[in-house]
Amino acid sequence: MSYDTTIGWSLFSSGVVTLLLVWLPGDSLYWGLALLAIGLAVLSRRFT
């Protein structure tokens, strides 16, 4: 179970960092949102 938590937090934090870098050209916003969604999905799977 700790593996899922680690993956979830890693993806979640990557998403937050990507959103902070949204000023970069490209689709950073979409990558950030996708990583946040995946990270939250992994975390929520662990708690259900």
N, C-alpha and C. Protein backbone atom coordinates (compact mmCIF):
# COMPACT_ATOMS: atom_id res chain seq x y z
N MET A 1 0.82 -1.20 0.00
CA MET A 1 0.00 0.00 0.00
C MET A 1 0.86 1.26 0.00
N SER A 2 2.00 1.21 0.63
CA SER A 2 2.85 2.40 0.67
C SER A 2 3.35 2.76 -0.73
N TYR A 3 3.44 1.77 -1.60
CA TYR A 3 3.85 2.02 -2.98
C TYR A 3 2.85 2.93 -3.68
N ASP A 4 1.55 2.65 -3.52
CA ASP A 4 0.52 3.49 -4.13
C ASP A 4 0.57 4.90 -3.57
N THR A 5 0.81 5.04 -2.29
CA THR A 5 0.88 6.36 -1.68
C THR A 5 2.06 7.15 -2.25
N THR A 6 3.19 6.49 -2.38
CA THR A 6 4.37 7.15 -2.93
C THR A 6 4.14 7.61 -4.36
N ILE A 7 3.57 6.72 -5.17
CA ILE A 7 3.27 7.07 -6.56
C ILE A 7 2.28 8.23 -6.61
N GLY A 8 1.25 8.16 -5.80
CA GLY A 8 0.23 9.22 -5.78
C GLY A 8 0.80 10.56 -5.40
N TRP A 9 1.57 10.60 -4.33
CA TRP A 9 2.15 11.87 -3.90
C TRP A 9 3.16 12.39 -4.91
N SER A 10 3.89 11.48 -5.54
CA SER A 10 4.87 11.89 -6.55
C SER A 10 4.17 12.55 -7.74
N LEU A 11 3.11 11.91 -8.23
CA LEU A 11 2.37 12.48 -9.36
C LEU A 11 1.68 13.78 -8.97
N PHE A 12 1.12 13.81 -7.77
CA PHE A 12 0.44 15.01 -7.30
C PHE A 12 1.41 16.19 -7.21
N SER A 13 2.57 15.96 -6.61
CA SER A 13 3.55 17.04 -6.48
C SER A 13 4.10 17.46 -7.84
N SER A 14 4.25 16.50 -8.75
CA SER A 14 4.69 16.84 -10.10
C SER A 14 3.66 17.73 -10.78
N GLY A 15 2.39 17.44 -10.56
CA GLY A 15 1.34 18.26 -11.13
C GLY A 15 1.35 19.67 -10.59
N VAL A 16 1.56 19.80 -9.29
CA VAL A 16 1.62 21.12 -8.67
C VAL A 16 2.79 21.92 -9.24
N VAL A 17 3.94 21.30 -9.36
CA VAL A 17 5.11 21.98 -9.91
C VAL A 17 4.86 22.40 -11.35
N THR A 18 4.24 21.50 -12.12
CA THR A 18 3.96 21.83 -13.52
C THR A 18 3.00 23.00 -13.62
N LEU A 19 2.00 23.05 -12.74
CA LEU A 19 1.07 24.17 -12.76
C LEU A 19 1.77 25.48 -12.40
N LEU A 20 2.76 25.41 -11.51
CA LEU A 20 3.52 26.61 -11.17
C LEU A 20 4.36 27.09 -12.34
N LEU A 21 4.69 26.18 -13.24
CA LEU A 21 5.51 26.53 -14.41
C LEU A 21 4.66 26.78 -15.65
N VAL A 22 3.38 27.11 -15.44
CA VAL A 22 2.45 27.24 -16.56
C VAL A 22 2.83 28.39 -17.51
N TRP A 23 3.67 29.28 -17.05
CA TRP A 23 4.08 30.39 -17.90
C TRP A 23 4.97 29.95 -19.06
N LEU A 24 5.49 28.72 -18.99
CA LEU A 24 6.30 28.20 -20.08
C LEU A 24 5.42 27.96 -21.31
N PRO A 25 5.97 28.15 -22.49
CA PRO A 25 5.19 27.87 -23.71
C PRO A 25 4.89 26.39 -23.83
N GLY A 26 3.76 26.08 -24.44
CA GLY A 26 3.38 24.69 -24.60
C GLY A 26 2.13 24.36 -23.81
N ASP A 27 1.90 23.09 -23.58
CA ASP A 27 0.68 22.62 -22.92
C ASP A 27 0.96 22.23 -21.47
N SER A 28 1.73 23.04 -20.76
CA SER A 28 2.06 22.74 -19.37
C SER A 28 0.81 22.63 -18.50
N LEU A 29 -0.20 23.46 -18.76
CA LEU A 29 -1.42 23.45 -17.97
C LEU A 29 -2.09 22.08 -18.06
N TYR A 30 -2.18 21.55 -19.27
CA TYR A 30 -2.84 20.26 -19.44
C TYR A 30 -2.05 19.12 -18.80
N TRP A 31 -0.73 19.18 -18.90
CA TRP A 31 0.11 18.17 -18.25
C TRP A 31 -0.06 18.25 -16.74
N GLY A 32 -0.09 19.46 -16.20
CA GLY A 32 -0.27 19.63 -14.76
C GLY A 32 -1.60 19.08 -14.29
N LEU A 33 -2.67 19.41 -15.02
CA LEU A 33 -3.99 18.91 -14.65
C LEU A 33 -4.06 17.39 -14.75
N ALA A 34 -3.44 16.82 -15.77
CA ALA A 34 -3.45 15.37 -15.94
C ALA A 34 -2.70 14.69 -14.81
N LEU A 35 -1.54 15.21 -14.44
CA LEU A 35 -0.77 14.62 -13.34
C LEU A 35 -1.51 14.73 -12.02
N LEU A 36 -2.17 15.87 -11.79
CA LEU A 36 -2.97 16.03 -10.58
C LEU A 36 -4.09 15.00 -10.52
N ALA A 37 -4.77 14.83 -11.64
CA ALA A 37 -5.88 13.88 -11.68
C ALA A 37 -5.40 12.45 -11.45
N ILE A 38 -4.30 12.07 -12.08
CA ILE A 38 -3.77 10.72 -11.91
C ILE A 38 -3.31 10.50 -10.47
N GLY A 39 -2.61 11.48 -9.93
CA GLY A 39 -2.14 11.37 -8.54
C GLY A 39 -3.28 11.25 -7.55
N LEU A 40 -4.33 12.06 -7.74
CA LEU A 40 -5.49 11.98 -6.85
C LEU A 40 -6.22 10.66 -7.02
N ALA A 41 -6.27 10.13 -8.24
CA ALA A 41 -6.93 8.85 -8.48
C ALA A 41 -6.19 7.72 -7.75
N VAL A 42 -4.86 7.74 -7.81
CA VAL A 42 -4.07 6.71 -7.12
C VAL A 42 -4.26 6.82 -5.61
N LEU A 43 -4.25 8.07 -5.10
CA LEU A 43 -4.45 8.26 -3.66
C LEU A 43 -5.84 7.83 -3.22
N SER A 44 -6.85 8.18 -4.00
CA SER A 44 -8.22 7.83 -3.61
C SER A 44 -8.43 6.32 -3.68
N ARG A 45 -7.75 5.65 -4.60
CA ARG A 45 -7.86 4.19 -4.68
C ARG A 45 -7.32 3.54 -3.42
N ARG A 46 -6.29 4.15 -2.85
CA ARG A 46 -5.69 3.60 -1.64
C ARG A 46 -6.64 3.73 -0.46
N PHE A 47 -7.42 4.81 -0.39
CA PHE A 47 -8.27 5.08 0.75
C PHE A 47 -9.64 4.42 0.66
N THR A 48 -9.95 3.80 -0.47
CA THR A 48 -11.26 3.15 -0.61
C THR A 48 -11.15 1.65 -0.42
